Amino acid sequence: MGITLSILDQTPIYPGETATEAFRHTVTLAQRAEALGYRRLWVSEHHDSDFVGGSSPEVLISHLLAKTERITIGSGGIMLQHYSPYKVAENFNVLSSLAPGRVDLGIGRAPGGLPRSTQALQRGVDHPPTLTEKIVELEKFIHDKLEDGHPLAGLKASPLPETAPALYVLGTSVGSAEIAASLGLPYVFSQFINGDEETALAAFAAYRSQFNRERGDRPQAIFALSVVVADSDEEAAELAGNLQQVKIHLASGRTLTVGTIEQAEEYGKQSNEKYRIEVKEPEVTKGAKETVRAKLLELQRKLGVEEFIVTTNIPNFEKRLRSFELLKEAVSETAAEASAAPAAEHGAAAV
């Protein structure tokens, strides 16, 4: 089983950079990813942040589609809890009409920001549907399959593209895996948010065992992780050395991952709940090409996945770009070795 690589870019705004520079880096990365042969590039959704530029994935996706020619561009993900499924379907149907077959619609469960931005996004909404209900309705709008008994029967999310956007469910838990399975949709587990490998194994097991084949063709499990590749293990460790994972545990039982301790403290204040902040060393697959290749092969064996979606948090953009180049080289070398092995065995047998 070969390895397919894709990229999640969060448009980070590092100290000394402007949002304009950060978006230029995202465009350059998309173009380089296309040239290197990455399958897809997704962009994220974050709100009220000084550290991440991507508050409107749909707008950024449109720009990236115009700046590239072949690579699939998508959301990782749209925070559907905030929005009307109808409007999301319209947005992505427009994108899919502009670039047929090149648009992914990843749906996330997290709020993508602090409580204040959630309040602003959901202002006036008193009794929102569940996320599962919203995904079901979104899928019906995308494929123009709203049933006759639906309150909005006859409504179309125009324009209707020749190829509908591909729908994915993103998550970090067994619960999110079960949602994807029940709907027969592809599932992405985000290890860079939840670094617990046992949770990932349990999520993929639940996804595969509960997959609704009446609604989907086959389970499609994807693993999203943080990766740093450099010319040596030592350099990779240095580049990843200052990274940290900050979690806030709320008294209500919710746990969220945020970018900094300051964000966690602000989240706690805005939530009006008691909270506890936990700072951990993040789970990062790092090293030289050989080291990372071995780690990815081991993860593939454990998890049974064909595709990895990679995010790389390196402040120096040239080194970040270099990491993606080295990663693609590492996986390409693995594929070359795998194809050479049967040929060598055949030659030996012929002697």
Protein backbone atom coordinates (compact mmCIF):
# COMPACT_ATOMS: atom_id res chain seq x y z
CA MET A 1 0.00 0.00 0.00
CA GLY A 2 1.52 3.28 -1.13
CA ILE A 3 1.43 6.57 0.74
CA THR A 4 -0.52 9.55 -0.57
CA LEU A 5 0.40 12.98 0.77
CA SER A 6 -1.73 16.09 1.15
CA ILE A 7 -1.26 19.38 3.01
CA LEU A 8 -3.25 21.39 5.55
CA ASP A 9 -2.11 25.01 5.65
CA GLN A 10 -3.46 27.22 8.44
CA THR A 11 -2.01 30.47 7.04
CA PRO A 12 -0.01 31.17 10.20
CA ILE A 13 0.95 34.79 10.85
CA TYR A 14 4.32 34.64 12.57
CA PRO A 15 5.85 37.54 14.55
CA GLY A 16 7.02 40.28 12.20
CA GLU A 17 4.71 39.14 9.37
CA THR A 18 1.51 40.69 8.06
CA ALA A 19 -1.64 38.84 7.00
CA THR A 20 -0.84 39.78 3.40
CA GLU A 21 2.54 38.04 3.64
CA ALA A 22 0.97 34.99 5.28
CA PHE A 23 -1.56 34.63 2.45
CA ARG A 24 1.21 34.99 -0.13
CA HIS A 25 2.98 32.10 1.56
CA THR A 26 -0.20 29.99 1.33
CA VAL A 27 -0.43 30.73 -2.41
CA THR A 28 3.24 29.85 -2.94
CA LEU A 29 2.82 26.64 -0.95
CA ALA A 30 -0.23 25.62 -3.00
CA GLN A 31 1.67 26.15 -6.24
CA ARG A 32 4.71 24.27 -4.96
CA ALA A 33 2.53 21.44 -3.63
CA GLU A 34 0.95 21.08 -7.07
CA ALA A 35 4.37 20.94 -8.73
CA LEU A 36 5.58 18.33 -6.22
CA GLY A 37 2.55 16.08 -6.76
CA TYR A 38 0.67 16.45 -3.47
CA ARG A 39 -2.92 15.24 -3.86
CA ARG A 40 -4.71 18.13 -2.15
CA LEU A 41 -4.19 21.30 -0.13
CA TRP A 42 -6.73 22.30 2.50
CA VAL A 43 -7.04 25.57 4.40
CA SER A 44 -8.47 26.02 7.89
CA GLU A 45 -11.05 28.27 9.56
CA HIS A 46 -10.12 30.34 12.61
CA HIS A 47 -11.77 33.44 14.03
CA ASP A 48 -10.67 36.43 16.10
CA SER A 49 -7.00 35.41 15.92
CA ASP A 50 -3.83 37.44 15.56
CA PHE A 51 -1.87 34.29 14.72
CA VAL A 52 -3.90 32.65 11.92
CA GLY A 53 -5.16 34.41 8.79
CA GLY A 54 -7.78 32.03 7.44
CA SER A 55 -11.12 33.24 8.79
CA SER A 56 -12.93 32.68 5.47
CA PRO A 57 -11.88 29.40 3.81
CA GLU A 58 -14.33 29.79 0.90
CA VAL A 59 -12.76 33.06 -0.19
CA LEU A 60 -9.22 31.71 0.13
CA ILE A 61 -10.12 28.49 -1.72
CA SER A 62 -11.45 30.53 -4.64
CA HIS A 63 -8.17 32.46 -4.86
CA LEU A 64 -6.05 29.30 -4.61
CA LEU A 65 -8.07 27.58 -7.35
CA ALA A 66 -7.35 30.55 -9.60
CA LYS A 67 -3.63 30.40 -8.79
CA THR A 68 -3.27 26.64 -9.48
CA GLU A 69 -4.29 24.28 -12.27
CA ARG A 70 -4.64 20.67 -11.09
CA ILE A 71 -4.31 20.20 -7.34
CA THR A 72 -7.49 19.70 -5.31
CA ILE A 73 -8.21 22.61 -2.96
CA GLY A 74 -10.51 22.37 0.03
CA SER A 75 -11.48 23.29 3.56
CA GLY A 76 -10.01 21.68 6.62
CA GLY A 77 -12.59 22.53 7.68
CA ILE A 78 -15.74 24.60 7.50
CA MET A 79 -17.12 24.97 11.05
CA LEU A 80 -20.67 24.05 10.09
CA GLN A 81 -22.11 24.64 13.56
CA HIS A 82 -22.04 28.37 12.75
CA TYR A 83 -23.67 28.31 9.35
CA SER A 84 -26.69 27.51 7.22
CA PRO A 85 -26.08 24.24 5.31
CA TYR A 86 -27.88 25.85 2.37
CA LYS A 87 -25.44 28.76 2.17
CA VAL A 88 -22.41 26.49 2.57
CA ALA A 89 -23.75 24.32 -0.27
CA GLU A 90 -24.21 27.41 -2.46
CA ASN A 91 -20.65 28.58 -1.76
CA PHE A 92 -19.08 25.25 -2.58
CA ASN A 93 -21.29 24.64 -5.60
CA VAL A 94 -20.00 27.93 -6.99
CA LEU A 95 -16.41 26.81 -6.31
CA SER A 96 -17.07 23.41 -7.90
CA SER A 97 -18.55 25.09 -10.97
CA LEU A 98 -15.46 27.29 -11.27
CA ALA A 99 -13.06 24.33 -10.91
CA PRO A 100 -14.89 21.05 -11.62
CA GLY A 101 -13.54 18.05 -9.71
CA ARG A 102 -11.01 20.08 -7.73
CA VAL A 103 -12.99 21.09 -4.62
CA ASP A 104 -13.16 19.34 -1.22
CA LEU A 105 -15.57 20.33 1.54
CA GLY A 106 -14.18 19.25 4.90
CA ILE A 107 -16.49 19.78 7.88
CA GLY A 108 -15.09 20.44 11.36
CA ARG A 109 -16.78 20.15 14.76
CA ALA A 110 -14.74 22.75 16.68
CA PRO A 111 -15.83 26.39 17.04
CA GLY A 112 -12.66 27.71 15.39
CA GLY A 113 -12.36 30.58 17.83
CA LEU A 114 -13.10 31.92 21.30
CA PRO A 115 -16.63 32.08 22.79
CA ARG A 116 -17.05 35.72 21.73
CA SER A 117 -16.58 34.89 18.03
CA THR A 118 -18.95 31.93 18.37
CA GLN A 119 -21.55 34.27 19.86
CA ALA A 120 -21.07 36.67 16.95
CA LEU A 121 -21.36 33.92 14.34
CA GLN A 122 -24.44 32.37 15.93
CA ARG A 123 -26.15 35.56 17.05
CA GLY A 124 -29.93 35.21 16.98
CA VAL A 125 -29.84 31.41 16.71
CA ASP A 126 -31.68 29.95 19.70
CA HIS A 127 -32.18 26.27 18.85
CA PRO A 128 -29.61 25.18 16.27
CA PRO A 129 -29.82 21.69 14.74
CA THR A 130 -27.18 19.13 15.71
CA LEU A 131 -24.02 18.92 13.63
CA THR A 132 -25.12 15.55 12.25
CA GLU A 133 -28.45 17.03 11.16
CA LYS A 134 -26.63 19.90 9.47
CA ILE A 135 -24.25 17.57 7.61
CA VAL A 136 -27.19 15.46 6.40
CA GLU A 137 -28.96 18.56 5.08
CA LEU A 138 -25.74 19.90 3.54
CA GLU A 139 -25.21 16.64 1.67
CA LYS A 140 -28.78 16.74 0.34
CA PHE A 141 -28.31 20.29 -0.94
CA ILE A 142 -24.96 19.46 -2.55
CA HIS A 143 -26.41 16.51 -4.45
CA ASP A 144 -29.84 18.12 -5.06
CA LYS A 145 -31.62 15.31 -3.21
CA LEU A 146 -33.88 17.19 -0.84
CA GLU A 147 -36.82 14.86 -0.22
CA ASP A 148 -40.41 15.83 -0.99
CA GLY A 149 -41.38 15.86 2.69
CA HIS A 150 -38.65 18.34 3.68
CA PRO A 151 -39.89 21.81 4.75
CA LEU A 152 -37.74 23.33 1.97
CA ALA A 153 -38.68 20.78 -0.72
CA GLY A 154 -37.98 22.06 -4.21
CA LEU A 155 -35.20 24.41 -3.12
CA LYS A 156 -31.91 24.09 -5.03
CA ALA A 157 -28.46 25.27 -3.90
CA SER A 158 -27.68 26.81 -7.25
CA PRO A 159 -25.64 26.61 -9.32
CA LEU A 160 -25.63 22.81 -9.57
CA PRO A 161 -22.09 21.85 -10.69
CA GLU A 162 -21.26 18.97 -13.00
CA THR A 163 -19.16 17.47 -10.21
CA ALA A 164 -20.30 18.03 -6.62
CA PRO A 165 -17.71 19.00 -4.00
CA ALA A 166 -16.34 15.99 -2.11
CA LEU A 167 -17.57 15.93 1.49
CA TYR A 168 -15.31 14.91 4.43
CA VAL A 169 -15.90 14.75 8.20
CA LEU A 170 -12.99 15.95 10.37
CA GLY A 171 -12.57 15.06 14.02
CA THR A 172 -10.45 14.03 16.97
CA SER A 173 -12.61 11.47 18.72
CA VAL A 174 -14.55 8.25 18.43
CA GLY A 175 -17.72 10.33 18.36
CA SER A 176 -16.71 12.18 15.20
CA ALA A 177 -15.70 8.87 13.59
CA GLU A 178 -19.15 7.47 14.36
CA ILE A 179 -20.81 10.47 12.71
CA ALA A 180 -18.76 9.95 9.54
CA ALA A 181 -19.48 6.21 9.57
CA SER A 182 -23.24 6.65 10.01
CA LEU A 183 -23.32 9.03 7.04
CA GLY A 184 -21.06 6.89 4.84
CA LEU A 185 -18.57 9.75 4.42
CA PRO A 186 -14.75 9.89 4.40
CA TYR A 187 -13.21 10.56 7.82
CA VAL A 188 -10.09 12.52 8.81
CA PHE A 189 -8.61 12.09 12.30
CA SER A 190 -6.56 15.14 13.33
CA GLN A 191 -3.66 13.91 15.44
CA PHE A 192 -2.04 17.35 15.50
CA ILE A 193 -4.99 18.40 17.71
CA ASN A 194 -5.45 15.17 19.67
CA GLY A 195 -2.08 13.45 19.95
CA ASP A 196 -3.42 10.30 21.65
CA GLU A 197 -2.63 7.43 19.29
CA GLU A 198 -4.95 5.07 21.18
CA THR A 199 -7.86 7.43 20.49
CA ALA A 200 -6.93 7.46 16.81
CA LEU A 201 -6.89 3.65 16.71
CA ALA A 202 -10.26 3.48 18.47
CA ALA A 203 -11.73 6.13 16.16
CA PHE A 204 -10.62 4.33 13.00
CA ALA A 205 -11.85 0.98 14.36
CA ALA A 206 -15.28 2.46 15.10
CA TYR A 207 -15.36 4.17 11.71
CA ARG A 208 -14.62 0.99 9.78
CA SER A 209 -16.85 -1.31 11.84
CA GLN A 210 -19.85 1.03 11.78
CA PHE A 211 -19.48 2.36 8.23
CA ASN A 212 -22.86 2.64 6.51
CA ARG A 213 -22.30 1.01 3.13
CA GLU A 214 -25.83 1.82 2.04
CA ARG A 215 -24.82 5.49 2.06
CA GLY A 216 -21.16 5.22 1.07
CA ASP A 217 -19.07 3.04 -1.21
CA ARG A 218 -16.30 2.12 1.23
CA PRO A 219 -14.58 3.57 4.30
CA GLN A 220 -11.98 6.20 3.47
CA ALA A 221 -9.84 6.94 6.52
CA ILE A 222 -7.23 9.72 6.44
CA PHE A 223 -4.74 10.69 9.15
CA ALA A 224 -3.78 14.35 9.68
CA LEU A 225 -0.55 14.99 11.55
CA SER A 226 2.18 17.49 12.23
CA VAL A 227 5.45 16.80 10.41
CA VAL A 228 8.83 18.55 10.33
CA VAL A 229 11.46 17.26 7.91
CA ALA A 230 14.97 18.68 7.60
CA ASP A 231 18.36 17.60 6.26
CA SER A 232 19.20 15.97 9.58
CA ASP A 233 17.41 14.68 12.67
CA GLU A 234 19.14 17.36 14.73
CA GLU A 235 17.95 20.22 12.52
CA ALA A 236 14.39 18.87 12.51
CA ALA A 237 14.41 18.64 16.31
CA GLU A 238 15.65 22.22 16.51
CA LEU A 239 12.93 23.46 14.13
CA ALA A 240 10.24 21.69 16.14
CA GLY A 241 11.81 22.47 19.52
CA ASN A 242 9.73 25.51 20.45
CA LEU A 243 6.36 24.04 19.54
CA GLN A 244 3.79 23.50 22.26
CA GLN A 245 0.23 22.26 22.46
CA VAL A 246 -2.10 24.25 24.70
CA LYS A 247 -5.38 22.75 25.89
CA ILE A 248 -8.08 24.32 28.02
CA HIS A 249 -10.27 22.05 30.12
CA LEU A 250 -13.61 23.66 30.99
CA ALA A 251 -15.72 22.79 34.04
CA SER A 252 -18.57 21.78 31.68
CA GLY A 253 -16.40 18.91 30.47
CA ARG A 254 -15.30 20.33 27.15
CA THR A 255 -11.63 20.32 26.15
CA LEU A 256 -10.32 22.54 23.37
CA THR A 257 -6.93 23.03 21.77
CA VAL A 258 -5.81 26.63 21.21
CA GLY A 259 -2.68 28.29 19.88
CA THR A 260 -1.17 29.94 22.95
CA ILE A 261 -1.46 30.16 26.74
CA GLU A 262 -2.79 33.70 26.29
CA GLN A 263 -5.57 32.40 24.03
CA ALA A 264 -6.42 29.71 26.57
CA GLU A 265 -6.68 32.28 29.35
CA GLU A 266 -8.86 34.52 27.21
CA TYR A 267 -11.04 31.56 26.24
CA GLY A 268 -11.52 30.74 29.92
CA LYS A 269 -12.51 34.31 30.75
CA GLN A 270 -14.99 34.52 27.87
CA SER A 271 -16.52 31.14 28.71
CA ASN A 272 -17.52 32.27 32.22
CA GLU A 273 -16.60 28.79 33.47
CA LYS A 274 -13.93 27.46 35.74
CA TYR A 275 -11.08 26.14 33.65
CA ARG A 276 -7.70 24.47 33.73
CA ILE A 277 -4.88 25.04 31.21
CA GLU A 278 -2.62 22.18 30.16
CA VAL A 279 0.57 22.73 28.17
CA LYS A 280 2.04 19.66 26.49
CA GLU A 281 4.74 18.83 24.03
CA PRO A 282 2.86 18.28 20.77
CA GLU A 283 2.99 15.04 18.82
CA VAL A 284 5.27 15.90 15.89
CA THR A 285 6.70 13.41 13.42
CA LYS A 286 10.14 14.91 12.86
CA GLY A 287 13.56 14.06 11.50
CA ALA A 288 15.53 13.59 8.30
CA LYS A 289 13.91 11.91 5.32
CA GLU A 290 14.85 8.40 6.39
CA THR A 291 13.56 8.92 9.94
CA VAL A 292 10.23 10.39 8.87
CA ARG A 293 9.75 7.79 6.16
CA ALA A 294 10.13 5.00 8.71
CA LYS A 295 7.69 6.70 11.10
CA LEU A 296 5.06 7.18 8.38
CA LEU A 297 5.35 3.55 7.30
CA GLU A 298 4.88 2.46 10.91
CA LEU A 299 1.82 4.71 11.29
CA GLN A 300 0.43 3.34 8.05
CA ARG A 301 0.87 -0.21 9.33
CA LYS A 302 -0.83 0.57 12.65
CA LEU A 303 -3.69 2.69 11.30
CA GLY A 304 -4.28 1.11 7.90
CA VAL A 305 -4.46 4.44 6.08
CA GLU A 306 -3.30 5.32 2.58
CA GLU A 307 -3.32 9.10 2.91
CA PHE A 308 -1.66 11.52 5.32
CA ILE A 309 -2.64 15.19 5.50
CA VAL A 310 0.36 17.08 6.82
CA THR A 311 0.63 20.40 8.61
CA THR A 312 4.05 21.92 9.33
CA ASN A 313 4.58 24.66 11.90
CA ILE A 314 7.94 26.29 11.10
CA PRO A 315 8.20 30.11 11.35
CA ASN A 316 10.80 30.33 8.58
CA PHE A 317 8.80 29.94 5.38
CA GLU A 318 11.72 28.72 3.27
CA LYS A 319 12.44 25.96 5.79
CA ARG A 320 8.72 25.13 5.93
CA LEU A 321 8.68 24.81 2.15
CA ARG A 322 11.85 22.72 2.30
CA SER A 323 10.18 20.38 4.80
CA PHE A 324 7.36 19.66 2.35
CA GLU A 325 9.88 19.08 -0.46
CA LEU A 326 11.90 16.63 1.64
CA LEU A 327 8.75 14.83 2.77
CA LYS A 328 7.64 14.28 -0.82
CA GLU A 329 11.12 13.01 -1.69
CA ALA A 330 11.02 10.58 1.22
CA VAL A 331 7.68 9.09 0.16
CA SER A 332 8.71 9.01 -3.52
CA GLU A 333 11.82 7.07 -2.58
CA THR A 334 9.66 4.61 -0.64
CA ALA A 335 7.47 4.07 -3.70
CA ALA A 336 10.53 3.57 -5.91
CA GLU A 337 11.97 0.99 -3.51
CA ALA A 338 8.66 -0.86 -3.37
CA SER A 339 8.37 -1.06 -7.16
CA ALA A 340 11.99 -2.16 -7.50
CA ALA A 341 11.61 -5.07 -5.06
CA PRO A 342 9.28 -7.25 -7.22
CA ALA A 343 11.50 -6.65 -10.23
CA ALA A 344 14.55 -7.79 -8.29
CA GLU A 345 12.71 -10.89 -7.06
CA HIS A 346 11.63 -11.71 -10.60
CA GLY A 347 15.19 -11.35 -11.84
CA ALA A 348 16.52 -13.62 -9.12
CA ALA A 349 13.92 -16.27 -9.92
CA ALA A 350 14.89 -16.22 -13.58
CA VAL A 351 18.55 -17.00 -12.87
